[in-house]
């Protein structure tokens, strides 16, 4: 936290423009580099299709490929 304050003080001293952005949801828009498949978790198994697996279209939180 102190490093951020020092950086902002330096930027203000030098009249730099500082930008802010939100990266909490960046993984929602990330593309997958490889195909990933997921099994149905216990308690959420589709009764009509118990053996189906799923292929996500976008990156999911916790994947190694997620940004």
PDB file of N, CA and C in Angstrom:
ATOM      1  N   UNK A   1       0.823  -1.186   0.000  1.00  0.00           N
ATOM      2  CA  UNK A   1       0.000   0.000   0.000  1.00  0.00           C
ATOM      3  C   UNK A   1       0.874   1.259   0.000  1.00  0.00           C
ATOM      4  N   UNK A   2       1.965   1.198   0.730  1.00  0.00           N
ATOM      5  CA  UNK A   2       2.856   2.350   0.790  1.00  0.00           C
ATOM      6  C   UNK A   2       3.488   2.620  -0.573  1.00  0.00           C
ATOM      7  N   UNK A   3       3.813   1.557  -1.306  1.00  0.00           N
ATOM      8  CA  UNK A   3       4.417   1.728  -2.627  1.00  0.00           C
ATOM      9  C   UNK A   3       3.455   2.441  -3.577  1.00  0.00           C
ATOM     10  N   UNK A   4       2.182   2.145  -3.449  1.00  0.00           N
ATOM     11  CA  UNK A   4       1.187   2.809  -4.297  1.00  0.00           C
ATOM     12  C   UNK A   4       1.123   4.295  -3.968  1.00  0.00           C
ATOM     13  N   UNK A   5       1.144   4.618  -2.700  1.00  0.00           N
ATOM     14  CA  UNK A   5       1.109   6.030  -2.296  1.00  0.00           C
ATOM     15  C   UNK A   5       2.349   6.782  -2.778  1.00  0.00           C
ATOM     16  N   UNK A   6       3.499   6.141  -2.698  1.00  0.00           N
ATOM     17  CA  UNK A   6       4.736   6.771  -3.186  1.00  0.00           C
ATOM     18  C   UNK A   6       4.644   7.002  -4.692  1.00  0.00           C
ATOM     19  N   UNK A   7       4.164   5.997  -5.400  1.00  0.00           N
ATOM     20  CA  UNK A   7       4.002   6.133  -6.850  1.00  0.00           C
ATOM     21  C   UNK A   7       3.056   7.278  -7.190  1.00  0.00           C
ATOM     22  N   UNK A   8       1.915   7.364  -6.504  1.00  0.00           N
ATOM     23  CA  UNK A   8       0.948   8.426  -6.785  1.00  0.00           C
ATOM     24  C   UNK A   8       1.506   9.804  -6.437  1.00  0.00           C
ATOM     25  N   UNK A   9       2.263   9.890  -5.348  1.00  0.00           N
ATOM     26  CA  UNK A   9       2.888  11.167  -4.985  1.00  0.00           C
ATOM     27  C   UNK A   9       3.899  11.586  -6.047  1.00  0.00           C
ATOM     28  N   UNK A  10       4.694  10.634  -6.532  1.00  0.00           N
ATOM     29  CA  UNK A  10       5.676  10.925  -7.581  1.00  0.00           C
ATOM     30  C   UNK A  10       4.968  11.354  -8.865  1.00  0.00           C
ATOM     31  N   UNK A  11       3.898  10.642  -9.219  1.00  0.00           N
ATOM     32  CA  UNK A  11       3.149  10.975 -10.431  1.00  0.00           C
ATOM     33  C   UNK A  11       2.539  12.372 -10.329  1.00  0.00           C
ATOM     34  N   UNK A  12       2.029  12.722  -9.153  1.00  0.00           N
ATOM     35  CA  UNK A  12       1.462  14.064  -8.962  1.00  0.00           C
ATOM     36  C   UNK A  12       2.556  15.129  -9.041  1.00  0.00           C
ATOM     37  N   UNK A  13       3.709  14.835  -8.468  1.00  0.00           N
ATOM     38  CA  UNK A  13       4.832  15.783  -8.492  1.00  0.00           C
ATOM     39  C   UNK A  13       5.301  16.062  -9.920  1.00  0.00           C
ATOM     40  N   UNK A  14       5.329  15.015 -10.744  1.00  0.00           N
ATOM     41  CA  UNK A  14       5.788  15.143 -12.134  1.00  0.00           C
ATOM     42  C   UNK A  14       4.654  15.480 -13.107  1.00  0.00           C
ATOM     43  N   UNK A  15       3.443  15.684 -12.592  1.00  0.00           N
ATOM     44  CA  UNK A  15       2.254  15.990 -13.411  1.00  0.00           C
ATOM     45  C   UNK A  15       1.942  14.888 -14.418  1.00  0.00           C
ATOM     46  N   UNK A  16       2.183  13.644 -14.024  1.00  0.00           N
ATOM     47  CA  UNK A  16       1.840  12.507 -14.876  1.00  0.00           C
ATOM     48  C   UNK A  16       0.336  12.267 -14.826  1.00  0.00           C
ATOM     49  N   UNK A  17      -0.194  11.705 -15.896  1.00  0.00           N
ATOM     50  CA  UNK A  17      -1.589  11.280 -15.916  1.00  0.00           C
ATOM     51  C   UNK A  17      -1.652   9.858 -15.370  1.00  0.00           C
ATOM     52  N   UNK A  18      -2.539   9.632 -14.429  1.00  0.00           N
ATOM     53  CA  UNK A  18      -2.690   8.312 -13.812  1.00  0.00           C
ATOM     54  C   UNK A  18      -4.069   7.778 -14.175  1.00  0.00           C
ATOM     55  N   UNK A  19      -4.120   6.530 -14.622  1.00  0.00           N
ATOM     56  CA  UNK A  19      -5.379   5.889 -14.979  1.00  0.00           C
ATOM     57  C   UNK A  19      -5.708   4.807 -13.964  1.00  0.00           C
ATOM     58  N   UNK A  20      -6.987   4.554 -13.814  1.00  0.00           N
ATOM     59  CA  UNK A  20      -7.461   3.513 -12.902  1.00  0.00           C
ATOM     60  C   UNK A  20      -8.347   2.571 -13.693  1.00  0.00           C
ATOM     61  N   UNK A  21      -8.302   1.274 -13.376  1.00  0.00           N
ATOM     62  CA  UNK A  21      -9.174   0.313 -14.048  1.00  0.00           C
ATOM     63  C   UNK A  21      -9.551  -0.802 -13.091  1.00  0.00           C
ATOM     64  N   UNK A  22     -10.611  -1.493 -13.426  1.00  0.00           N
ATOM     65  CA  UNK A  22     -11.108  -2.598 -12.619  1.00  0.00           C
ATOM     66  C   UNK A  22     -10.713  -3.899 -13.301  1.00  0.00           C
ATOM     67  N   UNK A  23      -9.963  -4.741 -12.622  1.00  0.00           N
ATOM     68  CA  UNK A  23      -9.536  -6.009 -13.212  1.00  0.00           C
ATOM     69  C   UNK A  23     -10.195  -7.207 -12.540  1.00  0.00           C
ATOM     70  N   UNK A  24     -11.161  -6.966 -11.677  1.00  0.00           N
ATOM     71  CA  UNK A  24     -11.815  -8.068 -10.974  1.00  0.00           C
ATOM     72  C   UNK A  24     -12.564  -8.989 -11.924  1.00  0.00           C
ATOM     73  N   UNK A  25     -13.111  -8.453 -13.001  1.00  0.00           N
ATOM     74  CA  UNK A  25     -13.899  -9.261 -13.924  1.00  0.00           C
ATOM     75  C   UNK A  25     -13.186  -9.521 -15.246  1.00  0.00           C
ATOM     76  N   UNK A  26     -11.905  -9.318 -15.308  1.00  0.00           N
ATOM     77  CA  UNK A  26     -11.189  -9.493 -16.573  1.00  0.00           C
ATOM     78  C   UNK A  26     -11.235 -10.937 -17.059  1.00  0.00           C
ATOM     79  N   UNK A  27     -11.311 -11.913 -16.139  1.00  0.00           N
ATOM     80  CA  UNK A  27     -11.331 -13.315 -16.549  1.00  0.00           C
ATOM     81  C   UNK A  27     -12.615 -13.673 -17.281  1.00  0.00           C
ATOM     82  N   UNK A  28     -13.675 -12.887 -17.140  1.00  0.00           N
ATOM     83  CA  UNK A  28     -14.936 -13.187 -17.811  1.00  0.00           C
ATOM     84  C   UNK A  28     -14.846 -13.009 -19.316  1.00  0.00           C
ATOM     85  N   UNK A  29     -13.899 -12.223 -19.780  1.00  0.00           N
ATOM     86  CA  UNK A  29     -13.783 -11.937 -21.198  1.00  0.00           C
ATOM     87  C   UNK A  29     -12.582 -12.630 -21.835  1.00  0.00           C
ATOM     88  N   UNK A  30     -11.867 -13.429 -21.090  1.00  0.00           N
ATOM     89  CA  UNK A  30     -10.684 -14.099 -21.614  1.00  0.00           C
ATOM     90  C   UNK A  30     -11.034 -15.289 -22.490  1.00  0.00           C
ATOM     91  N   UNK A  31     -10.278 -15.482 -23.539  1.00  0.00           N
ATOM     92  CA  UNK A  31     -10.478 -16.629 -24.425  1.00  0.00           C
ATOM     93  C   UNK A  31      -9.601 -17.780 -23.974  1.00  0.00           C
ATOM     94  N   UNK A  32     -10.037 -18.985 -24.269  1.00  0.00           N
ATOM     95  CA  UNK A  32      -9.268 -20.175 -23.917  1.00  0.00           C
ATOM     96  C   UNK A  32      -8.326 -20.531 -25.059  1.00  0.00           C
ATOM     97  N   UNK A  33      -7.087 -20.869 -24.736  1.00  0.00           N
ATOM     98  CA  UNK A  33      -6.096 -21.241 -25.744  1.00  0.00           C
ATOM     99  C   UNK A  33      -6.213 -22.717 -26.108  1.00  0.00           C
ATOM    100  N   UNK A  34      -6.675 -23.526 -25.181  1.00  0.00           N
ATOM    101  CA  UNK A  34      -6.847 -24.960 -25.406  1.00  0.00           C
ATOM    102  C   UNK A  34      -8.271 -25.338 -25.035  1.00  0.00           C
ATOM    103  N   UNK A  35      -8.737 -26.469 -25.551  1.00  0.00           N
ATOM    104  CA  UNK A  35     -10.061 -26.957 -25.175  1.00  0.00           C
ATOM    105  C   UNK A  35     -10.037 -27.444 -23.736  1.00  0.00           C
ATOM    106  N   UNK A  36     -11.068 -27.089 -22.992  1.00  0.00           N
ATOM    107  CA  UNK A  36     -11.206 -27.491 -21.596  1.00  0.00           C
ATOM    108  C   UNK A  36     -12.575 -28.131 -21.448  1.00  0.00           C
ATOM    109  N   UNK A  37     -12.635 -29.240 -20.729  1.00  0.00           N
ATOM    110  CA  UNK A  37     -13.901 -29.927 -20.488  1.00  0.00           C
ATOM    111  C   UNK A  37     -14.094 -30.105 -18.993  1.00  0.00           C
ATOM    112  N   UNK A  38     -15.356 -30.063 -18.566  1.00  0.00           N
ATOM    113  CA  UNK A  38     -15.663 -30.180 -17.144  1.00  0.00           C
ATOM    114  C   UNK A  38     -16.792 -31.177 -16.938  1.00  0.00           C
ATOM    115  N   UNK A  39     -16.655 -31.988 -15.898  1.00  0.00           N
ATOM    116  CA  UNK A  39     -17.713 -32.920 -15.507  1.00  0.00           C
ATOM    117  C   UNK A  39     -18.762 -32.172 -14.700  1.00  0.00           C
ATOM    118  N   UNK A  40     -19.928 -32.760 -14.600  1.00  0.00           N
ATOM    119  CA  UNK A  40     -20.982 -32.173 -13.782  1.00  0.00           C
ATOM    120  C   UNK A  40     -20.641 -32.394 -12.311  1.00  0.00           C
ATOM    121  N   UNK A  41     -20.670 -31.347 -11.499  1.00  0.00           N
ATOM    122  CA  UNK A  41     -20.345 -31.514 -10.079  1.00  0.00           C
ATOM    123  C   UNK A  41     -21.461 -32.248  -9.339  1.00  0.00           C
ATOM    124  N   UNK A  42     -21.082 -32.972  -8.294  1.00  0.00           N
ATOM    125  CA  UNK A  42     -22.075 -33.686  -7.488  1.00  0.00           C
ATOM    126  C   UNK A  42     -23.105 -32.707  -6.957  1.00  0.00           C
ATOM    127  N   UNK A  43     -24.356 -33.116  -6.989  1.00  0.00           N
ATOM    128  CA  UNK A  43     -25.433 -32.258  -6.530  1.00  0.00           C
ATOM    129  C   UNK A  43     -26.022 -31.401  -7.634  1.00  0.00           C
ATOM    130  N   UNK A  44     -25.345 -31.337  -8.780  1.00  0.00           N
ATOM    131  CA  UNK A  44     -25.828 -30.538  -9.906  1.00  0.00           C
ATOM    132  C   UNK A  44     -25.884 -31.374 -11.181  1.00  0.00           C
ATOM    133  N   UNK A  45     -26.021 -32.665 -11.041  1.00  0.00           N
ATOM    134  CA  UNK A  45     -26.037 -33.565 -12.197  1.00  0.00           C
ATOM    135  C   UNK A  45     -27.412 -33.520 -12.851  1.00  0.00           C
ATOM    136  N   UNK A  46     -27.429 -33.326 -14.161  1.00  0.00           N
ATOM    137  CA  UNK A  46     -28.671 -33.284 -14.933  1.00  0.00           C
ATOM    138  C   UNK A  46     -29.245 -34.694 -14.984  1.00  0.00           C
ATOM    139  N   UNK A  47     -30.445 -34.871 -14.477  1.00  0.00           N
ATOM    140  CA  UNK A  47     -31.065 -36.199 -14.417  1.00  0.00           C
ATOM    141  C   UNK A  47     -31.308 -36.771 -15.809  1.00  0.00           C
ATOM    142  N   UNK A  48     -31.586 -35.914 -16.787  1.00  0.00           N
ATOM    143  CA  UNK A  48     -31.835 -36.382 -18.152  1.00  0.00           C
ATOM    144  C   UNK A  48     -30.553 -36.737 -18.893  1.00  0.00           C
ATOM    145  N   UNK A  49     -29.439 -36.135 -18.508  1.00  0.00           N
ATOM    146  CA  UNK A  49     -28.154 -36.363 -19.177  1.00  0.00           C
ATOM    147  C   UNK A  49     -27.041 -36.496 -18.137  1.00  0.00           C
ATOM    148  N   UNK A  50     -27.028 -37.560 -17.359  1.00  0.00           N
ATOM    149  CA  UNK A  50     -26.040 -37.673 -16.270  1.00  0.00           C
ATOM    150  C   UNK A  50     -24.599 -37.858 -16.736  1.00  0.00           C
ATOM    151  N   UNK A  51     -24.393 -38.283 -17.976  1.00  0.00           N
ATOM    152  CA  UNK A  51     -23.023 -38.531 -18.440  1.00  0.00           C
ATOM    153  C   UNK A  51     -22.468 -37.382 -19.284  1.00  0.00           C
ATOM    154  N   UNK A  52     -23.215 -36.302 -19.431  1.00  0.00           N
ATOM    155  CA  UNK A  52     -22.740 -35.169 -20.237  1.00  0.00           C
ATOM    156  C   UNK A  52     -21.576 -34.456 -19.556  1.00  0.00           C
ATOM    157  N   UNK A  53     -20.665 -33.966 -20.391  1.00  0.00           N
ATOM    158  CA  UNK A  53     -19.589 -33.095 -19.916  1.00  0.00           C
ATOM    159  C   UNK A  53     -19.773 -31.745 -20.597  1.00  0.00           C
ATOM    160  N   UNK A  54     -19.128 -30.713 -20.058  1.00  0.00           N
ATOM    161  CA  UNK A  54     -19.316 -29.365 -20.567  1.00  0.00           C
ATOM    162  C   UNK A  54     -18.002 -28.774 -21.060  1.00  0.00           C
ATOM    163  N   UNK A  55     -18.113 -27.968 -22.125  1.00  0.00           N
ATOM    164  CA  UNK A  55     -16.957 -27.264 -22.678  1.00  0.00           C
ATOM    165  C   UNK A  55     -17.233 -25.764 -22.557  1.00  0.00           C
ATOM    166  N   UNK A  56     -16.540 -25.073 -21.641  1.00  0.00           N
ATOM    167  CA  UNK A  56     -16.771 -23.627 -21.496  1.00  0.00           C
ATOM    168  C   UNK A  56     -16.294 -22.849 -22.721  1.00  0.00           C
ATOM    169  N   UNK A  57     -17.030 -21.785 -23.058  1.00  0.00           N
ATOM    170  CA  UNK A  57     -16.672 -20.924 -24.192  1.00  0.00           C
ATOM    171  C   UNK A  57     -15.632 -19.879 -23.809  1.00  0.00           C
ATOM    172  N   UNK A  58     -15.658 -19.455 -22.552  1.00  0.00           N
ATOM    173  CA  UNK A  58     -14.753 -18.414 -22.063  1.00  0.00           C
ATOM    174  C   UNK A  58     -14.003 -18.928 -20.841  1.00  0.00           C
ATOM    175  N   UNK A  59     -12.965 -18.223 -20.453  1.00  0.00           N
ATOM    176  CA  UNK A  59     -12.156 -18.609 -19.298  1.00  0.00           C
ATOM    177  C   UNK A  59     -12.983 -18.549 -18.016  1.00  0.00           C
ATOM    178  N   UNK A  60     -12.702 -19.450 -17.108  1.00  0.00           N
ATOM    179  CA  UNK A  60     -13.360 -19.503 -15.810  1.00  0.00           C
ATOM    180  C   UNK A  60     -12.349 -19.199 -14.723  1.00  0.00           C
ATOM    181  N   UNK A  61     -12.822 -18.611 -13.644  1.00  0.00           N
ATOM    182  CA  UNK A  61     -11.952 -18.305 -12.518  1.00  0.00           C
ATOM    183  C   UNK A  61     -11.353 -19.595 -11.980  1.00  0.00           C
ATOM    184  N   UNK A  62     -10.061 -19.621 -11.778  1.00  0.00           N
ATOM    185  CA  UNK A  62      -9.382 -20.781 -11.228  1.00  0.00           C
ATOM    186  C   UNK A  62      -8.687 -21.647 -12.265  1.00  0.00           C
ATOM    187  N   UNK A  63      -8.996 -21.459 -13.535  1.00  0.00           N
ATOM    188  CA  UNK A  63      -8.301 -22.221 -14.571  1.00  0.00           C
ATOM    189  C   UNK A  63      -6.879 -21.707 -14.727  1.00  0.00           C
ATOM    190  N   UNK A  64      -5.975 -22.592 -15.091  1.00  0.00           N
ATOM    191  CA  UNK A  64      -4.591 -22.171 -15.318  1.00  0.00           C
ATOM    192  C   UNK A  64      -4.499 -21.207 -16.494  1.00  0.00           C
ATOM    193  N   UNK A  65      -5.422 -21.328 -17.443  1.00  0.00           N
ATOM    194  CA  UNK A  65      -5.415 -20.464 -18.623  1.00  0.00           C
ATOM    195  C   UNK A  65      -6.067 -19.111 -18.371  1.00  0.00           C
ATOM    196  N   UNK A  66      -6.769 -18.955 -17.271  1.00  0.00           N
ATOM    197  CA  UNK A  66      -7.491 -17.703 -17.014  1.00  0.00           C
ATOM    198  C   UNK A  66      -6.509 -16.545 -16.871  1.00  0.00           C
ATOM    199  N   UNK A  67      -6.897 -15.388 -17.400  1.00  0.00           N
ATOM    200  CA  UNK A  67      -5.998 -14.225 -17.299  1.00  0.00           C
ATOM    201  C   UNK A  67      -5.847 -13.736 -15.876  1.00  0.00           C
TER     202      UNK A  67
END
